[in-house]
Amino acid sequence: MDSLDQLRYAGSVTEAAKALRAALEVVDRPTLVEYANRMEDKSLGSRLGFLLETSGQPGEGLTCSESLVKLDPAQPRSGRYVSRWRVVVNAPEAELQPTGVG
């Protein structure tokens, strides 16, 4: 979660998305949601919710931002807007998607 809150720890939102997909194989999703909400960062909740759903997982239970959130805070605010999570997808969406067969 620190990687989504402070993307400098992951390198980029695409790297954070890859790490999240790998973690979902071993992490209990409800516990992940609980911990994210404990951090009391609604931008984190919006980013995590969007990435969970992008990975085919439900994002229910996450507290999301009441205002617009850039998926990658370091990039310009341009791209597709996802109203459910109030996220502007300002990163290459193809790089956020799971790859491979499965």
PDB file of N, CA and C in Angstrom:
ATOM      1  N   MET A   1       0.813  -1.187   0.000  1.00  0.00           N
ATOM      2  CA  MET A   1       0.000   0.000   0.000  1.00  0.00           C
ATOM      3  C   MET A   1       0.858   1.253   0.000  1.00  0.00           C
ATOM      4  N   ASP A   2       2.022   1.183   0.618  1.00  0.00           N
ATOM      5  CA  ASP A   2       2.900   2.347   0.592  1.00  0.00           C
ATOM      6  C   ASP A   2       3.244   2.724  -0.842  1.00  0.00           C
ATOM      7  N   SER A   3       3.321   1.730  -1.717  1.00  0.00           N
ATOM      8  CA  SER A   3       3.666   2.001  -3.108  1.00  0.00           C
ATOM      9  C   SER A   3       2.582   2.793  -3.824  1.00  0.00           C
ATOM     10  N   LEU A   4       1.341   2.616  -3.442  1.00  0.00           N
ATOM     11  CA  LEU A   4       0.261   3.394  -4.040  1.00  0.00           C
ATOM     12  C   LEU A   4       0.109   4.751  -3.378  1.00  0.00           C
ATOM     13  N   ASP A   5       0.478   4.832  -2.132  1.00  0.00           N
ATOM     14  CA  ASP A   5       0.407   6.095  -1.409  1.00  0.00           C
ATOM     15  C   ASP A   5       1.578   6.994  -1.795  1.00  0.00           C
ATOM     16  N   GLN A   6       2.757   6.418  -1.889  1.00  0.00           N
ATOM     17  CA  GLN A   6       3.989   7.129  -2.248  1.00  0.00           C
ATOM     18  C   GLN A   6       4.640   6.372  -3.406  1.00  0.00           C
ATOM     19  N   LEU A   7       4.249   6.714  -4.622  1.00  0.00           N
ATOM     20  CA  LEU A   7       4.678   5.939  -5.792  1.00  0.00           C
ATOM     21  C   LEU A   7       6.186   5.910  -5.979  1.00  0.00           C
ATOM     22  N   ARG A   8       6.915   6.810  -5.343  1.00  0.00           N
ATOM     23  CA  ARG A   8       8.377   6.782  -5.480  1.00  0.00           C
ATOM     24  C   ARG A   8       8.957   5.475  -4.934  1.00  0.00           C
ATOM     25  N   TYR A   9       8.217   4.806  -4.025  1.00  0.00           N
ATOM     26  CA  TYR A   9       8.688   3.536  -3.481  1.00  0.00           C
ATOM     27  C   TYR A   9       8.598   2.410  -4.512  1.00  0.00           C
ATOM     28  N   ALA A  10       7.661   2.534  -5.429  1.00  0.00           N
ATOM     29  CA  ALA A  10       7.474   1.499  -6.446  1.00  0.00           C
ATOM     30  C   ALA A  10       8.174   1.839  -7.754  1.00  0.00           C
ATOM     31  N   GLY A  11       8.395   3.105  -7.993  1.00  0.00           N
ATOM     32  CA  GLY A  11       8.997   3.537  -9.255  1.00  0.00           C
ATOM     33  C   GLY A  11       7.975   4.127 -10.200  1.00  0.00           C
ATOM     34  N   SER A  12       6.795   3.535 -10.247  1.00  0.00           N
ATOM     35  CA  SER A  12       5.715   4.038 -11.103  1.00  0.00           C
ATOM     36  C   SER A  12       4.423   3.326 -10.729  1.00  0.00           C
ATOM     37  N   VAL A  13       3.328   3.868 -11.213  1.00  0.00           N
ATOM     38  CA  VAL A  13       2.044   3.229 -10.933  1.00  0.00           C
ATOM     39  C   VAL A  13       1.950   1.880 -11.644  1.00  0.00           C
ATOM     40  N   THR A  14       2.606   1.728 -12.781  1.00  0.00           N
ATOM     41  CA  THR A  14       2.569   0.428 -13.456  1.00  0.00           C
ATOM     42  C   THR A  14       3.310  -0.631 -12.643  1.00  0.00           C
ATOM     43  N   GLU A  15       4.415  -0.255 -12.009  1.00  0.00           N
ATOM     44  CA  GLU A  15       5.130  -1.195 -11.138  1.00  0.00           C
ATOM     45  C   GLU A  15       4.293  -1.528  -9.902  1.00  0.00           C
ATOM     46  N   ALA A  16       3.607  -0.536  -9.357  1.00  0.00           N
ATOM     47  CA  ALA A  16       2.729  -0.778  -8.206  1.00  0.00           C
ATOM     48  C   ALA A  16       1.593  -1.721  -8.596  1.00  0.00           C
ATOM     49  N   ALA A  17       1.068  -1.568  -9.810  1.00  0.00           N
ATOM     50  CA  ALA A  17       0.000  -2.449 -10.292  1.00  0.00           C
ATOM     51  C   ALA A  17       0.495  -3.887 -10.420  1.00  0.00           C
ATOM     52  N   LYS A  18       1.712  -4.057 -10.919  1.00  0.00           N
ATOM     53  CA  LYS A  18       2.297  -5.403 -11.030  1.00  0.00           C
ATOM     54  C   LYS A  18       2.479  -6.024  -9.644  1.00  0.00           C
ATOM     55  N   ALA A  19       2.977  -5.240  -8.715  1.00  0.00           N
ATOM     56  CA  ALA A  19       3.183  -5.746  -7.350  1.00  0.00           C
ATOM     57  C   ALA A  19       1.853  -6.119  -6.705  1.00  0.00           C
ATOM     58  N   LEU A  20       0.833  -5.320  -6.942  1.00  0.00           N
ATOM     59  CA  LEU A  20      -0.489  -5.618  -6.391  1.00  0.00           C
ATOM     60  C   LEU A  20      -1.015  -6.933  -6.948  1.00  0.00           C
ATOM     61  N   ARG A  21      -0.899  -7.129  -8.253  1.00  0.00           N
ATOM     62  CA  ARG A  21      -1.377  -8.390  -8.852  1.00  0.00           C
ATOM     63  C   ARG A  21      -0.654  -9.583  -8.252  1.00  0.00           C
ATOM     64  N   ALA A  22       0.644  -9.471  -8.050  1.00  0.00           N
ATOM     65  CA  ALA A  22       1.408 -10.572  -7.456  1.00  0.00           C
ATOM     66  C   ALA A  22       0.970 -10.800  -6.013  1.00  0.00           C
ATOM     67  N   ALA A  23       0.744  -9.726  -5.281  1.00  0.00           N
ATOM     68  CA  ALA A  23       0.345  -9.831  -3.871  1.00  0.00           C
ATOM     69  C   ALA A  23      -1.031 -10.455  -3.724  1.00  0.00           C
ATOM     70  N   LEU A  24      -1.914 -10.218  -4.682  1.00  0.00           N
ATOM     71  CA  LEU A  24      -3.278 -10.735  -4.577  1.00  0.00           C
ATOM     72  C   LEU A  24      -3.325 -12.261  -4.577  1.00  0.00           C
ATOM     73  N   GLU A  25      -2.243 -12.891  -5.018  1.00  0.00           N
ATOM     74  CA  GLU A  25      -2.181 -14.348  -4.998  1.00  0.00           C
ATOM     75  C   GLU A  25      -2.001 -14.889  -3.580  1.00  0.00           C
ATOM     76  N   VAL A  26      -1.468 -14.057  -2.671  1.00  0.00           N
ATOM     77  CA  VAL A  26      -1.177 -14.529  -1.319  1.00  0.00           C
ATOM     78  C   VAL A  26      -1.807 -13.683  -0.213  1.00  0.00           C
ATOM     79  N   VAL A  27      -2.289 -12.494  -0.550  1.00  0.00           N
ATOM     80  CA  VAL A  27      -2.850 -11.580   0.446  1.00  0.00           C
ATOM     81  C   VAL A  27      -4.371 -11.711   0.470  1.00  0.00           C
ATOM     82  N   ASP A  28      -4.929 -11.678   1.655  1.00  0.00           N
ATOM     83  CA  ASP A  28      -6.376 -11.706   1.822  1.00  0.00           C
ATOM     84  C   ASP A  28      -6.941 -10.338   1.434  1.00  0.00           C
ATOM     85  N   ARG A  29      -7.767 -10.287   0.389  1.00  0.00           N
ATOM     86  CA  ARG A  29      -8.283  -9.018  -0.112  1.00  0.00           C
ATOM     87  C   ARG A  29      -9.041  -8.225   0.947  1.00  0.00           C
ATOM     88  N   PRO A  30      -9.926  -8.832   1.742  1.00  0.00           N
ATOM     89  CA  PRO A  30     -10.600  -8.050   2.785  1.00  0.00           C
ATOM     90  C   PRO A  30      -9.638  -7.420   3.793  1.00  0.00           C
ATOM     91  N   THR A  31      -8.555  -8.112   4.114  1.00  0.00           N
ATOM     92  CA  THR A  31      -7.555  -7.542   5.021  1.00  0.00           C
ATOM     93  C   THR A  31      -6.845  -6.375   4.346  1.00  0.00           C
ATOM     94  N   LEU A  32      -6.542  -6.510   3.063  1.00  0.00           N
ATOM     95  CA  LEU A  32      -5.931  -5.426   2.311  1.00  0.00           C
ATOM     96  C   LEU A  32      -6.822  -4.182   2.336  1.00  0.00           C
ATOM     97  N   VAL A  33      -8.107  -4.372   2.124  1.00  0.00           N
ATOM     98  CA  VAL A  33      -9.067  -3.257   2.154  1.00  0.00           C
ATOM     99  C   VAL A  33      -9.104  -2.630   3.544  1.00  0.00           C
ATOM    100  N   GLU A  34      -9.128  -3.463   4.573  1.00  0.00           N
ATOM    101  CA  GLU A  34      -9.146  -2.950   5.943  1.00  0.00           C
ATOM    102  C   GLU A  34      -7.909  -2.100   6.233  1.00  0.00           C
ATOM    103  N   TYR A  35      -6.740  -2.590   5.866  1.00  0.00           N
ATOM    104  CA  TYR A  35      -5.501  -1.850   6.109  1.00  0.00           C
ATOM    105  C   TYR A  35      -5.469  -0.547   5.311  1.00  0.00           C
ATOM    106  N   ALA A  36      -5.939  -0.589   4.075  1.00  0.00           N
ATOM    107  CA  ALA A  36      -5.976   0.629   3.262  1.00  0.00           C
ATOM    108  C   ALA A  36      -6.863   1.679   3.923  1.00  0.00           C
ATOM    109  N   ASN A  37      -8.006   1.262   4.426  1.00  0.00           N
ATOM    110  CA  ASN A  37      -8.910   2.209   5.087  1.00  0.00           C
ATOM    111  C   ASN A  37      -8.307   2.744   6.381  1.00  0.00           C
ATOM    112  N   ARG A  38      -7.533   1.941   7.068  1.00  0.00           N
ATOM    113  CA  ARG A  38      -6.877   2.397   8.303  1.00  0.00           C
ATOM    114  C   ARG A  38      -5.875   3.511   8.039  1.00  0.00           C
ATOM    115  N   MET A  39      -5.324   3.538   6.837  1.00  0.00           N
ATOM    116  CA  MET A  39      -4.345   4.575   6.505  1.00  0.00           C
ATOM    117  C   MET A  39      -5.001   5.947   6.364  1.00  0.00           C
ATOM    118  N   GLU A  40      -6.312   5.965   6.261  1.00  0.00           N
ATOM    119  CA  GLU A  40      -7.094   7.212   6.179  1.00  0.00           C
ATOM    120  C   GLU A  40      -6.619   8.122   5.052  1.00  0.00           C
ATOM    121  N   ASP A  41      -6.270   7.533   3.925  1.00  0.00           N
ATOM    122  CA  ASP A  41      -5.874   8.278   2.738  1.00  0.00           C
ATOM    123  C   ASP A  41      -6.855   7.895   1.627  1.00  0.00           C
ATOM    124  N   LYS A  42      -7.808   8.778   1.376  1.00  0.00           N
ATOM    125  CA  LYS A  42      -8.860   8.462   0.413  1.00  0.00           C
ATOM    126  C   LYS A  42      -8.321   8.356  -1.013  1.00  0.00           C
ATOM    127  N   SER A  43      -7.232   9.074  -1.315  1.00  0.00           N
ATOM    128  CA  SER A  43      -6.612   8.939  -2.639  1.00  0.00           C
ATOM    129  C   SER A  43      -6.069   7.524  -2.823  1.00  0.00           C
ATOM    130  N   LEU A  44      -5.480   6.992  -1.769  1.00  0.00           N
ATOM    131  CA  LEU A  44      -5.002   5.607  -1.792  1.00  0.00           C
ATOM    132  C   LEU A  44      -6.163   4.664  -2.059  1.00  0.00           C
ATOM    133  N   GLY A  45      -7.274   4.875  -1.385  1.00  0.00           N
ATOM    134  CA  GLY A  45      -8.451   4.031  -1.597  1.00  0.00           C
ATOM    135  C   GLY A  45      -8.942   4.079  -3.029  1.00  0.00           C
ATOM    136  N   SER A  46      -8.936   5.270  -3.624  1.00  0.00           N
ATOM    137  CA  SER A  46      -9.362   5.407  -5.020  1.00  0.00           C
ATOM    138  C   SER A  46      -8.417   4.668  -5.958  1.00  0.00           C
ATOM    139  N   ARG A  47      -7.121   4.862  -5.759  1.00  0.00           N
ATOM    140  CA  ARG A  47      -6.153   4.178  -6.619  1.00  0.00           C
ATOM    141  C   ARG A  47      -6.231   2.659  -6.453  1.00  0.00           C
ATOM    142  N   LEU A  48      -6.285   2.209  -5.205  1.00  0.00           N
ATOM    143  CA  LEU A  48      -6.338   0.772  -4.946  1.00  0.00           C
ATOM    144  C   LEU A  48      -7.621   0.172  -5.506  1.00  0.00           C
ATOM    145  N   GLY A  49      -8.745   0.827  -5.314  1.00  0.00           N
ATOM    146  CA  GLY A  49     -10.007   0.331  -5.848  1.00  0.00           C
ATOM    147  C   GLY A  49      -9.979   0.188  -7.351  1.00  0.00           C
ATOM    148  N   PHE A  50      -9.460   1.202  -8.016  1.00  0.00           N
ATOM    149  CA  PHE A  50      -9.352   1.135  -9.470  1.00  0.00           C
ATOM    150  C   PHE A  50      -8.454  -0.025  -9.899  1.00  0.00           C
ATOM    151  N   LEU A  51      -7.296  -0.152  -9.261  1.00  0.00           N
ATOM    152  CA  LEU A  51      -6.362  -1.216  -9.651  1.00  0.00           C
ATOM    153  C   LEU A  51      -6.885  -2.603  -9.304  1.00  0.00           C
ATOM    154  N   LEU A  52      -7.592  -2.727  -8.195  1.00  0.00           N
ATOM    155  CA  LEU A  52      -8.207  -4.019  -7.876  1.00  0.00           C
ATOM    156  C   LEU A  52      -9.181  -4.420  -8.973  1.00  0.00           C
ATOM    157  N   GLU A  53     -10.056  -3.502  -9.361  1.00  0.00           N
ATOM    158  CA  GLU A  53     -11.035  -3.829 -10.396  1.00  0.00           C
ATOM    159  C   GLU A  53     -10.359  -4.077 -11.742  1.00  0.00           C
ATOM    160  N   THR A  54      -9.279  -3.364 -12.029  1.00  0.00           N
ATOM    161  CA  THR A  54      -8.530  -3.601 -13.258  1.00  0.00           C
ATOM    162  C   THR A  54      -7.948  -5.015 -13.263  1.00  0.00           C
ATOM    163  N   SER A  55      -7.639  -5.524 -12.073  1.00  0.00           N
ATOM    164  CA  SER A  55      -7.085  -6.874 -11.930  1.00  0.00           C
ATOM    165  C   SER A  55      -8.164  -7.939 -11.789  1.00  0.00           C
ATOM    166  N   GLY A  56      -9.421  -7.542 -11.923  1.00  0.00           N
ATOM    167  CA  GLY A  56     -10.512  -8.501 -11.844  1.00  0.00           C
ATOM    168  C   GLY A  56     -10.979  -8.805 -10.430  1.00  0.00           C
ATOM    169  N   GLN A  57     -10.579  -7.983  -9.464  1.00  0.00           N
ATOM    170  CA  GLN A  57     -10.960  -8.189  -8.065  1.00  0.00           C
ATOM    171  C   GLN A  57     -11.963  -7.110  -7.649  1.00  0.00           C
ATOM    172  N   PRO A  58     -12.843  -7.406  -6.717  1.00  0.00           N
ATOM    173  CA  PRO A  58     -13.779  -6.376  -6.251  1.00  0.00           C
ATOM    174  C   PRO A  58     -13.070  -5.344  -5.379  1.00  0.00           C
ATOM    175  N   GLY A  59     -13.523  -4.120  -5.454  1.00  0.00           N
ATOM    176  CA  GLY A  59     -12.961  -3.051  -4.643  1.00  0.00           C
ATOM    177  C   GLY A  59     -13.895  -2.587  -3.553  1.00  0.00           C
ATOM    178  N   GLU A  60     -14.974  -3.325  -3.338  1.00  0.00           N
ATOM    179  CA  GLU A  60     -15.957  -2.933  -2.349  1.00  0.00           C
ATOM    180  C   GLU A  60     -15.325  -2.751  -0.977  1.00  0.00           C
ATOM    181  N   GLY A  61     -15.842  -1.772  -0.255  1.00  0.00           N
ATOM    182  CA  GLY A  61     -15.406  -1.536   1.107  1.00  0.00           C
ATOM    183  C   GLY A  61     -14.333  -0.482   1.236  1.00  0.00           C
ATOM    184  N   LEU A  62     -13.721  -0.095   0.128  1.00  0.00           N
ATOM    185  CA  LEU A  62     -12.668   0.923   0.186  1.00  0.00           C
ATOM    186  C   LEU A  62     -13.283   2.319   0.287  1.00  0.00           C
ATOM    187  N   THR A  63     -12.675   3.141   1.091  1.00  0.00           N
ATOM    188  CA  THR A  63     -13.068   4.544   1.175  1.00  0.00           C
ATOM    189  C   THR A  63     -12.348   5.283   0.068  1.00  0.00           C
ATOM    190  N   CYS A  64     -13.109   5.909  -0.830  1.00  0.00           N
ATOM    191  CA  CYS A  64     -12.467   6.593  -1.940  1.00  0.00           C
ATOM    192  C   CYS A  64     -12.581   8.107  -1.786  1.00  0.00           C
ATOM    193  N   SER A  65     -11.811   8.792  -2.559  1.00  0.00           N
ATOM    194  CA  SER A  65     -11.726  10.241  -2.506  1.00  0.00           C
ATOM    195  C   SER A  65     -13.039  10.892  -2.935  1.00  0.00           C
ATOM    196  N   GLU A  66     -13.284  12.041  -2.386  1.00  0.00           N
ATOM    197  CA  GLU A  66     -14.453  12.818  -2.792  1.00  0.00           C
ATOM    198  C   GLU A  66     -14.115  13.760  -3.935  1.00  0.00           C
ATOM    199  N   SER A  67     -12.833  13.905  -4.219  1.00  0.00           N
ATOM    200  CA  SER A  67     -12.406  14.757  -5.320  1.00  0.00           C
ATOM    201  C   SER A  67     -11.587  13.928  -6.305  1.00  0.00           C
ATOM    202  N   LEU A  68     -11.276  14.530  -7.430  1.00  0.00           N
ATOM    203  CA  LEU A  68     -10.538  13.857  -8.487  1.00  0.00           C
ATOM    204  C   LEU A  68      -9.143  13.455  -8.012  1.00  0.00           C
ATOM    205  N   VAL A  69      -8.723  12.244  -8.405  1.00  0.00           N
ATOM    206  CA  VAL A  69      -7.414  11.704  -8.038  1.00  0.00           C
ATOM    207  C   VAL A  69      -6.703  11.277  -9.319  1.00  0.00           C
ATOM    208  N   LYS A  70      -5.463  11.703  -9.463  1.00  0.00           N
ATOM    209  CA  LYS A  70      -4.662  11.216 -10.587  1.00  0.00           C
ATOM    210  C   LYS A  70      -4.116   9.842 -10.207  1.00  0.00           C
ATOM    211  N   LEU A  71      -4.234   8.886 -11.104  1.00  0.00           N
ATOM    212  CA  LEU A  71      -3.693   7.557 -10.827  1.00  0.00           C
ATOM    213  C   LEU A  71      -2.199   7.662 -10.555  1.00  0.00           C
ATOM    214  N   ASP A  72      -1.508   8.447 -11.360  1.00  0.00           N
ATOM    215  CA  ASP A  72      -0.090   8.717 -11.134  1.00  0.00           C
ATOM    216  C   ASP A  72       0.044  10.193 -10.787  1.00  0.00           C
ATOM    217  N   PRO A  73       0.249  10.511  -9.512  1.00  0.00           N
ATOM    218  CA  PRO A  73       0.293  11.913  -9.089  1.00  0.00           C
ATOM    219  C   PRO A  73       1.398  12.730  -9.752  1.00  0.00           C
ATOM    220  N   ALA A  74       2.449  12.091 -10.259  1.00  0.00           N
ATOM    221  CA  ALA A  74       3.566  12.810 -10.865  1.00  0.00           C
ATOM    222  C   ALA A  74       3.314  13.177 -12.323  1.00  0.00           C
ATOM    223  N   GLN A  75       2.242  12.655 -12.896  1.00  0.00           N
ATOM    224  CA  GLN A  75       1.963  12.892 -14.314  1.00  0.00           C
ATOM    225  C   GLN A  75       0.845  13.920 -14.474  1.00  0.00           C
ATOM    226  N   PRO A  76       0.758  14.530 -15.671  1.00  0.00           N
ATOM    227  CA  PRO A  76      -0.312  15.504 -15.929  1.00  0.00           C
ATOM    228  C   PRO A  76      -1.697  14.879 -15.768  1.00  0.00           C
ATOM    229  N   ARG A  77      -2.661  15.721 -15.484  1.00  0.00           N
ATOM    230  CA  ARG A  77      -4.039  15.261 -15.282  1.00  0.00           C
ATOM    231  C   ARG A  77      -4.749  15.181 -16.630  1.00  0.00           C
ATOM    232  N   SER A  78      -4.423  14.175 -17.392  1.00  0.00           N
ATOM    233  CA  SER A  78      -5.091  13.940 -18.668  1.00  0.00           C
ATOM    234  C   SER A  78      -5.268  12.441 -18.828  1.00  0.00           C
ATOM    235  N   GLY A  79      -6.399  12.077 -19.370  1.00  0.00           N
ATOM    236  CA  GLY A  79      -6.704  10.666 -19.559  1.00  0.00           C
ATOM    237  C   GLY A  79      -8.159  10.391 -19.250  1.00  0.00           C
ATOM    238  N   ARG A  80      -8.504   9.143 -19.317  1.00  0.00           N
ATOM    239  CA  ARG A  80      -9.879   8.704 -19.078  1.00  0.00           C
ATOM    240  C   ARG A  80     -10.233   8.882 -17.602  1.00  0.00           C
ATOM    241  N   TYR A  81     -11.452   9.331 -17.349  1.00  0.00           N
ATOM    242  CA  TYR A  81     -11.931   9.523 -15.977  1.00  0.00           C
ATOM    243  C   TYR A  81     -12.835   8.357 -15.600  1.00  0.00           C
ATOM    244  N   VAL A  82     -12.570   7.736 -14.449  1.00  0.00           N
ATOM    245  CA  VAL A  82     -13.376   6.629 -13.938  1.00  0.00           C
ATOM    246  C   VAL A  82     -14.144   7.156 -12.726  1.00  0.00           C
ATOM    247  N   SER A  83     -15.423   7.434 -12.941  1.00  0.00           N
ATOM    248  CA  SER A  83     -16.208   8.106 -11.899  1.00  0.00           C
ATOM    249  C   SER A  83     -16.395   7.252 -10.654  1.00  0.00           C
ATOM    250  N   ARG A  84     -16.476   5.938 -10.795  1.00  0.00           N
ATOM    251  CA  ARG A  84     -16.670   5.079  -9.619  1.00  0.00           C
ATOM    252  C   ARG A  84     -15.591   5.322  -8.579  1.00  0.00           C
ATOM    253  N   TRP A  85     -14.363   5.504  -9.025  1.00  0.00           N
ATOM    254  CA  TRP A  85     -13.233   5.701  -8.117  1.00  0.00           C
ATOM    255  C   TRP A  85     -12.712   7.131  -8.124  1.00  0.00           C
ATOM    256  N   ARG A  86     -13.300   7.964  -8.983  1.00  0.00           N
ATOM    257  CA  ARG A  86     -12.875   9.362  -9.122  1.00  0.00           C
ATOM    258  C   ARG A  86     -11.395   9.455  -9.509  1.00  0.00           C
ATOM    259  N   VAL A  87     -11.002   8.565 -10.403  1.00  0.00           N
ATOM    260  CA  VAL A  87      -9.606   8.460 -10.834  1.00  0.00           C
ATOM    261  C   VAL A  87      -9.474   8.902 -12.281  1.00  0.00           C
ATOM    262  N   VAL A  88      -8.455   9.724 -12.541  1.00  0.00           N
ATOM    263  CA  VAL A  88      -8.047  10.026 -13.903  1.00  0.00           C
ATOM    264  C   VAL A  88      -6.920   9.053 -14.232  1.00  0.00           C
ATOM    265  N   VAL A  89      -7.157   8.220 -15.221  1.00  0.00           N
ATOM    266  CA  VAL A  89      -6.185   7.192 -15.606  1.00  0.00           C
ATOM    267  C   VAL A  89      -5.148   7.851 -16.520  1.00  0.00           C
ATOM    268  N   ASN A  90      -4.113   8.385 -15.909  1.00  0.00           N
ATOM    269  CA  ASN A  90      -3.083   9.120 -16.643  1.00  0.00           C
ATOM    270  C   ASN A  90      -1.807   8.293 -16.792  1.00  0.00           C
ATOM    271  N   ALA A  91      -1.995   7.003 -16.935  1.00  0.00           N
ATOM    272  CA  ALA A  91      -0.903   6.054 -17.166  1.00  0.00           C
ATOM    273  C   ALA A  91      -1.348   5.127 -18.292  1.00  0.00           C
ATOM    274  N   PRO A  92      -0.414   4.530 -19.014  1.00  0.00           N
ATOM    275  CA  PRO A  92      -0.788   3.628 -20.111  1.00  0.00           C
ATOM    276  C   PRO A  92      -1.610   2.443 -19.585  1.00  0.00           C
ATOM    277  N   GLU A  93      -2.866   2.395 -19.995  1.00  0.00           N
ATOM    278  CA  GLU A  93      -3.764   1.354 -19.471  1.00  0.00           C
ATOM    279  C   GLU A  93      -3.320  -0.048 -19.829  1.00  0.00           C
ATOM    280  N   ALA A  94      -2.684  -0.221 -20.962  1.00  0.00           N
ATOM    281  CA  ALA A  94      -2.212  -1.555 -21.355  1.00  0.00           C
ATOM    282  C   ALA A  94      -1.186  -2.075 -20.352  1.00  0.00           C
ATOM    283  N   GLU A  95      -0.417  -1.178 -19.742  1.00  0.00           N
ATOM    284  CA  GLU A  95       0.591  -1.593 -18.765  1.00  0.00           C
ATOM    285  C   GLU A  95      -0.013  -1.890 -17.406  1.00  0.00           C
ATOM    286  N   LEU A  96      -1.257  -1.490 -17.192  1.00  0.00           N
ATOM    287  CA  LEU A  96      -1.927  -1.749 -15.912  1.00  0.00           C
ATOM    288  C   LEU A  96      -2.670  -3.070 -15.916  1.00  0.00           C
ATOM    289  N   GLN A  97      -2.878  -3.641 -17.085  1.00  0.00           N
ATOM    290  CA  GLN A  97      -3.656  -4.864 -17.239  1.00  0.00           C
ATOM    291  C   GLN A  97      -2.793  -6.093 -16.978  1.00  0.00           C
ATOM    292  N   PRO A  98      -3.412  -7.138 -16.437  1.00  0.00           N
ATOM    293  CA  PRO A  98      -2.683  -8.405 -16.290  1.00  0.00           C
ATOM    294  C   PRO A  98      -2.283  -8.919 -17.668  1.00  0.00           C
ATOM    295  N   THR A  99      -1.130  -9.564 -17.731  1.00  0.00           N
ATOM    296  CA  THR A  99      -0.673 -10.130 -18.997  1.00  0.00           C
ATOM    297  C   THR A  99      -0.509 -11.627 -18.850  1.00  0.00           C
ATOM    298  N   GLY A 100      -0.435 -12.298 -19.978  1.00  0.00           N
ATOM    299  CA  GLY A 100      -0.234 -13.741 -19.954  1.00  0.00           C
ATOM    300  C   GLY A 100      -1.544 -14.489 -19.984  1.00  0.00           C
ATOM    301  N   VAL A 101      -1.440 -15.784 -19.961  1.00  0.00           N
ATOM    302  CA  VAL A 101      -2.611 -16.654 -20.015  1.00  0.00           C
ATOM    303  C   VAL A 101      -2.938 -17.088 -18.606  1.00  0.00           C
ATOM    304  N   GLY A 102      -4.246 -17.130 -18.315  1.00  0.00           N
ATOM    305  CA  GLY A 102      -4.571 -17.600 -16.984  1.00  0.00           C
ATOM    306  C   GLY A 102      -5.938 -17.421 -16.586  1.00  0.00           C
TER     307      GLY A 102
END
